[in-house]
Amino acid sequence: MRALVQRVSEARVSVEGAVLGEVGPGLLVLVCAMQGDTEAQADKLAAKIAKLRIFKDDEGRMNRSVRDTGGAALVVSQFTLAAETKGNRPGFSTAAAPDEGQRLYEHFAGRLQAEGVPVATGRFGADMQVALVNDGPVTIWMDTEV
């Protein structure tokens, strides 16, 4: 699985003008299931993100996790993280099939919640608009295959 994790002051996701999910301080997690991904990989990624120390401590060092800060995560499906960009038109053939992608996306969001992080979500497969205030900015790429 792949994820792009952003530390945010706030983030929200909307479909057709209706807000589906929003968080205050915490994380925006764009997540993509790849072909061959498993629930075990989703579990591993969720645990890693819940413990990822990218929030400042009292000395200004990135030494606290989203759990430590009491923050939340907005989890949004993002199949374009599977982009192959050898040419000028990206290909997405390495992304999981839609039914499997949705299953793993929902599993990941549930696992992150089980790790003690409040989770809001978008709608899998929808044309979503994501708004965020990136705090820092801090943006981290994660891949269970690397």
N, C-alpha and C. Protein backbone atom coordinates (compact mmCIF):
# COMPACT_ATOMS: atom_id res chain seq x y z
N MET A 1 0.85 -1.18 0.00
CA MET A 1 0.00 0.00 0.00
C MET A 1 0.88 1.23 0.00
N ARG A 2 0.35 2.27 -0.55
CA ARG A 2 1.05 3.54 -0.59
C ARG A 2 0.21 4.59 0.13
N ALA A 3 0.92 5.53 0.75
CA ALA A 3 0.23 6.63 1.41
C ALA A 3 1.07 7.89 1.30
N LEU A 4 0.39 8.99 1.15
CA LEU A 4 1.01 10.30 1.24
C LEU A 4 0.40 10.93 2.49
N VAL A 5 1.25 11.19 3.48
CA VAL A 5 0.80 11.66 4.78
C VAL A 5 1.18 13.13 4.92
N GLN A 6 0.21 13.96 5.23
CA GLN A 6 0.47 15.38 5.43
C GLN A 6 0.02 15.79 6.82
N ARG A 7 0.90 16.50 7.53
CA ARG A 7 0.52 17.07 8.82
C ARG A 7 -0.28 18.32 8.52
N VAL A 8 -1.48 18.40 9.08
CA VAL A 8 -2.39 19.50 8.75
C VAL A 8 -2.89 20.22 10.00
N SER A 9 -3.23 21.48 9.80
CA SER A 9 -3.94 22.24 10.81
C SER A 9 -5.43 21.92 10.72
N GLU A 10 -5.86 21.68 9.48
CA GLU A 10 -7.25 21.28 9.21
C GLU A 10 -7.32 20.70 7.81
N ALA A 11 -8.31 19.86 7.59
CA ALA A 11 -8.53 19.27 6.26
C ALA A 11 -9.99 18.83 6.16
N ARG A 12 -10.51 18.87 4.94
CA ARG A 12 -11.88 18.39 4.71
C ARG A 12 -11.99 17.85 3.29
N VAL A 13 -12.93 16.94 3.12
CA VAL A 13 -13.20 16.37 1.81
C VAL A 13 -14.69 16.53 1.53
N SER A 14 -14.98 16.96 0.28
CA SER A 14 -16.36 17.21 -0.14
C SER A 14 -16.67 16.49 -1.43
N VAL A 15 -17.93 16.16 -1.62
CA VAL A 15 -18.44 15.63 -2.88
C VAL A 15 -19.67 16.44 -3.23
N GLU A 16 -19.67 17.03 -4.42
CA GLU A 16 -20.78 17.84 -4.90
C GLU A 16 -21.19 18.90 -3.87
N GLY A 17 -20.20 19.51 -3.24
CA GLY A 17 -20.45 20.59 -2.29
C GLY A 17 -20.79 20.16 -0.88
N ALA A 18 -21.00 18.87 -0.65
CA ALA A 18 -21.33 18.38 0.69
C ALA A 18 -20.07 17.84 1.36
N VAL A 19 -19.79 18.34 2.56
CA VAL A 19 -18.62 17.88 3.31
C VAL A 19 -18.89 16.48 3.84
N LEU A 20 -18.02 15.54 3.49
CA LEU A 20 -18.16 14.16 3.95
C LEU A 20 -17.33 13.89 5.20
N GLY A 21 -16.17 14.51 5.28
CA GLY A 21 -15.29 14.30 6.41
C GLY A 21 -14.40 15.50 6.62
N GLU A 22 -14.09 15.79 7.87
CA GLU A 22 -13.18 16.88 8.16
C GLU A 22 -12.50 16.65 9.50
N VAL A 23 -11.30 17.20 9.63
CA VAL A 23 -10.53 17.10 10.86
C VAL A 23 -9.90 18.45 11.15
N GLY A 24 -9.60 18.66 12.42
CA GLY A 24 -8.79 19.80 12.83
C GLY A 24 -7.34 19.37 12.77
N PRO A 25 -6.53 19.75 13.75
CA PRO A 25 -5.13 19.37 13.73
C PRO A 25 -4.96 17.85 13.67
N GLY A 26 -4.07 17.41 12.80
CA GLY A 26 -3.83 15.98 12.65
C GLY A 26 -3.20 15.67 11.33
N LEU A 27 -3.76 14.67 10.64
CA LEU A 27 -3.18 14.17 9.40
C LEU A 27 -4.21 14.10 8.28
N LEU A 28 -3.75 14.38 7.08
CA LEU A 28 -4.47 14.00 5.87
C LEU A 28 -3.68 12.83 5.31
N VAL A 29 -4.36 11.69 5.12
CA VAL A 29 -3.70 10.50 4.61
C VAL A 29 -4.37 10.13 3.29
N LEU A 30 -3.63 10.32 2.19
CA LEU A 30 -4.08 9.86 0.89
C LEU A 30 -3.54 8.45 0.75
N VAL A 31 -4.41 7.48 0.46
CA VAL A 31 -3.99 6.09 0.49
C VAL A 31 -4.41 5.35 -0.77
N CYS A 32 -3.54 4.45 -1.23
CA CYS A 32 -3.79 3.67 -2.45
C CYS A 32 -3.43 2.21 -2.22
N ALA A 33 -4.35 1.34 -2.52
CA ALA A 33 -4.07 -0.10 -2.50
C ALA A 33 -3.50 -0.48 -3.86
N MET A 34 -2.43 -1.24 -3.83
CA MET A 34 -1.75 -1.69 -5.04
C MET A 34 -2.12 -3.15 -5.30
N GLN A 35 -1.94 -3.61 -6.54
CA GLN A 35 -2.20 -5.01 -6.85
C GLN A 35 -1.38 -5.90 -5.92
N GLY A 36 -2.02 -6.90 -5.37
CA GLY A 36 -1.33 -7.85 -4.50
C GLY A 36 -1.25 -7.43 -3.05
N ASP A 37 -1.71 -6.24 -2.70
CA ASP A 37 -1.69 -5.81 -1.31
C ASP A 37 -2.62 -6.67 -0.46
N THR A 38 -2.30 -6.75 0.81
CA THR A 38 -3.05 -7.58 1.74
C THR A 38 -3.51 -6.77 2.94
N GLU A 39 -4.40 -7.37 3.73
CA GLU A 39 -4.83 -6.74 4.97
C GLU A 39 -3.65 -6.56 5.92
N ALA A 40 -2.72 -7.49 5.90
CA ALA A 40 -1.54 -7.38 6.77
C ALA A 40 -0.74 -6.13 6.43
N GLN A 41 -0.63 -5.80 5.16
CA GLN A 41 0.08 -4.59 4.76
C GLN A 41 -0.69 -3.34 5.19
N ALA A 42 -2.01 -3.38 5.07
CA ALA A 42 -2.83 -2.26 5.53
C ALA A 42 -2.68 -2.07 7.03
N ASP A 43 -2.65 -3.17 7.78
CA ASP A 43 -2.47 -3.11 9.23
C ASP A 43 -1.13 -2.49 9.58
N LYS A 44 -0.07 -2.92 8.89
CA LYS A 44 1.28 -2.42 9.13
C LYS A 44 1.36 -0.92 8.85
N LEU A 45 0.78 -0.50 7.74
CA LEU A 45 0.80 0.91 7.37
C LEU A 45 0.03 1.76 8.38
N ALA A 46 -1.13 1.28 8.80
CA ALA A 46 -1.93 2.03 9.79
C ALA A 46 -1.17 2.16 11.11
N ALA A 47 -0.55 1.08 11.56
CA ALA A 47 0.21 1.13 12.82
C ALA A 47 1.37 2.11 12.70
N LYS A 48 2.06 2.09 11.58
CA LYS A 48 3.20 2.98 11.37
C LYS A 48 2.76 4.44 11.37
N ILE A 49 1.66 4.74 10.69
CA ILE A 49 1.18 6.12 10.62
C ILE A 49 0.70 6.59 11.99
N ALA A 50 0.03 5.73 12.74
CA ALA A 50 -0.44 6.11 14.08
C ALA A 50 0.72 6.48 15.00
N LYS A 51 1.88 5.87 14.78
CA LYS A 51 3.05 6.09 15.64
C LYS A 51 4.06 7.06 15.05
N LEU A 52 3.83 7.53 13.83
CA LEU A 52 4.77 8.39 13.13
C LEU A 52 4.97 9.70 13.89
N ARG A 53 6.19 9.96 14.31
CA ARG A 53 6.46 11.13 15.16
C ARG A 53 6.81 12.33 14.28
N ILE A 54 5.78 13.06 13.85
CA ILE A 54 5.98 14.22 13.00
C ILE A 54 5.36 15.49 13.58
N PHE A 55 4.94 15.42 14.83
CA PHE A 55 4.39 16.59 15.51
C PHE A 55 5.40 17.11 16.53
N LYS A 56 5.44 18.41 16.71
CA LYS A 56 6.42 19.03 17.57
C LYS A 56 6.16 18.74 19.05
N ASP A 57 7.27 18.55 19.78
CA ASP A 57 7.19 18.44 21.23
C ASP A 57 7.39 19.83 21.84
N ASP A 58 7.55 19.91 23.14
CA ASP A 58 7.71 21.20 23.82
C ASP A 58 8.99 21.92 23.43
N GLU A 59 9.94 21.19 22.88
CA GLU A 59 11.21 21.79 22.45
C GLU A 59 11.23 22.09 20.96
N GLY A 60 10.10 21.89 20.29
CA GLY A 60 10.01 22.19 18.86
C GLY A 60 10.53 21.10 17.95
N ARG A 61 10.84 19.93 18.50
CA ARG A 61 11.33 18.81 17.69
C ARG A 61 10.16 17.92 17.28
N MET A 62 10.26 17.35 16.09
CA MET A 62 9.23 16.39 15.66
C MET A 62 9.45 15.11 16.44
N ASN A 63 8.68 14.96 17.51
CA ASN A 63 8.89 13.85 18.43
C ASN A 63 7.58 13.28 18.97
N ARG A 64 6.44 13.73 18.41
CA ARG A 64 5.14 13.27 18.90
C ARG A 64 4.32 12.73 17.73
N SER A 65 3.51 11.73 18.02
CA SER A 65 2.64 11.13 17.00
C SER A 65 1.27 11.80 17.03
N VAL A 66 0.45 11.48 16.05
CA VAL A 66 -0.91 12.00 16.03
C VAL A 66 -1.69 11.51 17.26
N ARG A 67 -1.39 10.30 17.71
CA ARG A 67 -2.03 9.79 18.94
C ARG A 67 -1.59 10.61 20.14
N ASP A 68 -0.29 10.93 20.21
CA ASP A 68 0.24 11.70 21.33
C ASP A 68 -0.42 13.07 21.44
N THR A 69 -0.76 13.66 20.29
CA THR A 69 -1.31 15.02 20.27
C THR A 69 -2.83 15.04 20.40
N GLY A 70 -3.48 13.88 20.32
CA GLY A 70 -4.94 13.84 20.34
C GLY A 70 -5.55 14.28 19.02
N GLY A 71 -4.75 14.26 17.95
CA GLY A 71 -5.22 14.66 16.63
C GLY A 71 -6.04 13.56 15.97
N ALA A 72 -6.53 13.88 14.79
CA ALA A 72 -7.36 12.97 14.01
C ALA A 72 -6.76 12.81 12.62
N ALA A 73 -7.31 11.88 11.84
CA ALA A 73 -6.84 11.65 10.48
C ALA A 73 -8.01 11.66 9.51
N LEU A 74 -7.84 12.40 8.43
CA LEU A 74 -8.77 12.35 7.30
C LEU A 74 -8.14 11.41 6.29
N VAL A 75 -8.80 10.27 6.02
CA VAL A 75 -8.28 9.24 5.13
C VAL A 75 -9.07 9.30 3.82
N VAL A 76 -8.35 9.53 2.72
CA VAL A 76 -8.97 9.70 1.41
C VAL A 76 -8.34 8.71 0.44
N SER A 77 -9.18 7.96 -0.27
CA SER A 77 -8.67 7.03 -1.29
C SER A 77 -8.08 7.83 -2.44
N GLN A 78 -6.94 7.36 -2.98
CA GLN A 78 -6.22 8.11 -4.00
C GLN A 78 -5.51 7.15 -4.93
N PHE A 79 -6.25 6.55 -5.88
CA PHE A 79 -5.65 5.55 -6.75
C PHE A 79 -4.53 6.14 -7.61
N THR A 80 -4.49 7.45 -7.78
CA THR A 80 -3.45 8.04 -8.62
C THR A 80 -2.06 7.96 -7.98
N LEU A 81 -1.98 7.54 -6.72
CA LEU A 81 -0.66 7.30 -6.12
C LEU A 81 0.03 6.11 -6.79
N ALA A 82 -0.72 5.34 -7.56
CA ALA A 82 -0.16 4.20 -8.29
C ALA A 82 0.38 4.61 -9.66
N ALA A 83 0.41 5.89 -9.93
CA ALA A 83 0.79 6.38 -11.27
C ALA A 83 2.15 5.88 -11.71
N GLU A 84 2.19 5.42 -12.95
CA GLU A 84 3.44 5.10 -13.64
C GLU A 84 3.66 6.26 -14.62
N THR A 85 4.78 6.94 -14.49
CA THR A 85 4.96 8.19 -15.24
C THR A 85 6.13 8.14 -16.21
N LYS A 86 6.29 7.02 -16.90
CA LYS A 86 7.38 6.90 -17.88
C LYS A 86 7.15 7.82 -19.07
N GLY A 87 5.91 7.95 -19.50
CA GLY A 87 5.58 8.84 -20.61
C GLY A 87 4.89 10.10 -20.08
N ASN A 88 4.18 10.76 -20.96
CA ASN A 88 3.49 11.98 -20.57
C ASN A 88 2.09 11.74 -20.02
N ARG A 89 1.57 10.54 -20.25
CA ARG A 89 0.24 10.21 -19.74
C ARG A 89 0.40 9.11 -18.70
N PRO A 90 0.08 9.41 -17.44
CA PRO A 90 0.27 8.40 -16.39
C PRO A 90 -0.62 7.18 -16.60
N GLY A 91 -0.10 6.03 -16.20
CA GLY A 91 -0.88 4.79 -16.21
C GLY A 91 -1.09 4.34 -14.77
N PHE A 92 -2.18 3.64 -14.55
CA PHE A 92 -2.54 3.24 -13.19
C PHE A 92 -2.78 1.74 -13.08
N SER A 93 -2.15 0.97 -13.95
CA SER A 93 -2.40 -0.47 -14.00
C SER A 93 -1.91 -1.21 -12.76
N THR A 94 -1.05 -0.61 -11.96
CA THR A 94 -0.55 -1.28 -10.76
C THR A 94 -1.46 -1.07 -9.54
N ALA A 95 -2.47 -0.23 -9.68
CA ALA A 95 -3.43 -0.04 -8.59
C ALA A 95 -4.29 -1.30 -8.47
N ALA A 96 -4.75 -1.56 -7.26
CA ALA A 96 -5.66 -2.70 -7.05
C ALA A 96 -6.95 -2.48 -7.83
N ALA A 97 -7.61 -3.56 -8.19
CA ALA A 97 -8.93 -3.46 -8.83
C ALA A 97 -9.87 -2.71 -7.89
N PRO A 98 -10.86 -1.99 -8.43
CA PRO A 98 -11.71 -1.15 -7.59
C PRO A 98 -12.33 -1.86 -6.38
N ASP A 99 -12.87 -3.06 -6.54
CA ASP A 99 -13.50 -3.73 -5.40
C ASP A 99 -12.48 -4.07 -4.32
N GLU A 100 -11.30 -4.51 -4.72
CA GLU A 100 -10.24 -4.83 -3.77
C GLU A 100 -9.67 -3.55 -3.16
N GLY A 101 -9.53 -2.52 -3.97
CA GLY A 101 -9.05 -1.23 -3.47
C GLY A 101 -9.97 -0.67 -2.41
N GLN A 102 -11.27 -0.75 -2.66
CA GLN A 102 -12.24 -0.24 -1.68
C GLN A 102 -12.18 -1.05 -0.38
N ARG A 103 -12.10 -2.36 -0.52
CA ARG A 103 -12.04 -3.21 0.67
C ARG A 103 -10.82 -2.88 1.52
N LEU A 104 -9.66 -2.73 0.88
CA LEU A 104 -8.44 -2.44 1.62
C LEU A 104 -8.42 -1.01 2.16
N TYR A 105 -8.99 -0.07 1.43
CA TYR A 105 -9.11 1.31 1.91
C TYR A 105 -9.95 1.35 3.19
N GLU A 106 -11.10 0.69 3.16
CA GLU A 106 -11.97 0.66 4.33
C GLU A 106 -11.30 -0.08 5.49
N HIS A 107 -10.59 -1.16 5.18
CA HIS A 107 -9.87 -1.90 6.22
C HIS A 107 -8.80 -1.01 6.85
N PHE A 108 -8.04 -0.31 6.01
CA PHE A 108 -7.00 0.59 6.51
C PHE A 108 -7.60 1.66 7.43
N ALA A 109 -8.67 2.31 7.01
CA ALA A 109 -9.29 3.35 7.83
C ALA A 109 -9.76 2.78 9.17
N GLY A 110 -10.36 1.60 9.14
CA GLY A 110 -10.79 0.95 10.37
C GLY A 110 -9.63 0.59 11.27
N ARG A 111 -8.54 0.14 10.68
CA ARG A 111 -7.36 -0.23 11.46
C ARG A 111 -6.71 1.00 12.10
N LEU A 112 -6.67 2.12 11.36
CA LEU A 112 -6.12 3.35 11.92
C LEU A 112 -6.97 3.81 13.11
N GLN A 113 -8.28 3.68 12.97
CA GLN A 113 -9.19 4.01 14.08
C GLN A 113 -8.90 3.08 15.27
N ALA A 114 -8.71 1.80 15.01
CA ALA A 114 -8.42 0.84 16.07
C ALA A 114 -7.08 1.14 16.75
N GLU A 115 -6.19 1.84 16.06
CA GLU A 115 -4.90 2.24 16.63
C GLU A 115 -5.04 3.45 17.55
N GLY A 116 -6.27 3.95 17.71
CA GLY A 116 -6.51 5.06 18.63
C GLY A 116 -6.53 6.42 17.98
N VAL A 117 -6.65 6.46 16.65
CA VAL A 117 -6.70 7.73 15.93
C VAL A 117 -8.12 7.94 15.42
N PRO A 118 -8.80 9.01 15.84
CA PRO A 118 -10.12 9.29 15.26
C PRO A 118 -9.97 9.49 13.75
N VAL A 119 -10.88 8.88 12.99
CA VAL A 119 -10.77 8.89 11.53
C VAL A 119 -12.04 9.42 10.89
N ALA A 120 -11.85 10.32 9.92
CA ALA A 120 -12.91 10.75 9.01
C ALA A 120 -12.49 10.29 7.63
N THR A 121 -13.46 10.07 6.74
CA THR A 121 -13.13 9.56 5.41
C THR A 121 -13.88 10.30 4.31
N GLY A 122 -13.42 10.07 3.10
CA GLY A 122 -14.12 10.51 1.91
C GLY A 122 -15.00 9.38 1.41
N ARG A 123 -15.30 9.38 0.12
CA ARG A 123 -16.12 8.32 -0.49
C ARG A 123 -15.30 7.67 -1.59
N PHE A 124 -15.04 6.39 -1.45
CA PHE A 124 -14.23 5.67 -2.40
C PHE A 124 -14.80 5.81 -3.81
N GLY A 125 -13.94 6.14 -4.76
CA GLY A 125 -14.34 6.21 -6.16
C GLY A 125 -15.06 7.48 -6.57
N ALA A 126 -15.34 8.37 -5.62
CA ALA A 126 -16.06 9.60 -5.94
C ALA A 126 -15.10 10.67 -6.46
N ASP A 127 -15.65 11.64 -7.16
CA ASP A 127 -14.90 12.82 -7.58
C ASP A 127 -14.92 13.76 -6.37
N MET A 128 -13.83 13.76 -5.62
CA MET A 128 -13.79 14.49 -4.35
C MET A 128 -12.96 15.76 -4.48
N GLN A 129 -13.30 16.73 -3.66
CA GLN A 129 -12.51 17.94 -3.52
C GLN A 129 -11.93 17.92 -2.10
N VAL A 130 -10.61 18.03 -2.02
CA VAL A 130 -9.92 17.99 -0.74
C VAL A 130 -9.31 19.36 -0.48
N ALA A 131 -9.61 19.91 0.69
CA ALA A 131 -9.03 21.19 1.09
C ALA A 131 -8.23 20.96 2.36
N LEU A 132 -7.06 21.58 2.44
CA LEU A 132 -6.23 21.38 3.61
C LEU A 132 -5.34 22.57 3.86
N VAL A 133 -4.93 22.69 5.10
CA VAL A 133 -3.86 23.62 5.47
C VAL A 133 -2.73 22.74 5.96
N ASN A 134 -1.69 22.61 5.12
CA ASN A 134 -0.54 21.78 5.44
C ASN A 134 0.28 22.51 6.49
N ASP A 135 0.53 21.85 7.61
CA ASP A 135 1.23 22.45 8.73
C ASP A 135 2.71 22.13 8.64
N GLY A 136 3.51 23.13 8.39
CA GLY A 136 4.96 22.94 8.35
C GLY A 136 5.61 23.59 7.14
N PRO A 137 5.41 23.12 5.95
CA PRO A 137 4.66 21.92 5.57
C PRO A 137 5.44 20.64 5.89
N VAL A 138 4.70 19.62 6.24
CA VAL A 138 5.26 18.29 6.46
C VAL A 138 4.47 17.32 5.59
N THR A 139 5.15 16.70 4.64
CA THR A 139 4.54 15.73 3.74
C THR A 139 5.48 14.55 3.61
N ILE A 140 4.96 13.35 3.88
CA ILE A 140 5.79 12.15 3.89
C ILE A 140 5.17 11.06 3.02
N TRP A 141 6.00 10.47 2.14
CA TRP A 141 5.60 9.36 1.26
C TRP A 141 5.89 8.05 1.98
N MET A 142 4.94 7.14 1.98
CA MET A 142 5.13 5.84 2.60
C MET A 142 4.67 4.75 1.64
N ASP A 143 5.40 3.64 1.63
CA ASP A 143 5.07 2.53 0.76
C ASP A 143 5.44 1.25 1.50
N THR A 144 4.52 0.32 1.61
CA THR A 144 4.80 -0.91 2.34
C THR A 144 5.79 -1.80 1.59
N GLU A 145 6.04 -1.54 0.32
CA GLU A 145 6.98 -2.35 -0.47
C GLU A 145 8.39 -1.83 -0.41
N VAL A 146 8.61 -0.68 0.20
CA VAL A 146 9.96 -0.09 0.25
C VAL A 146 10.57 -0.32 1.61
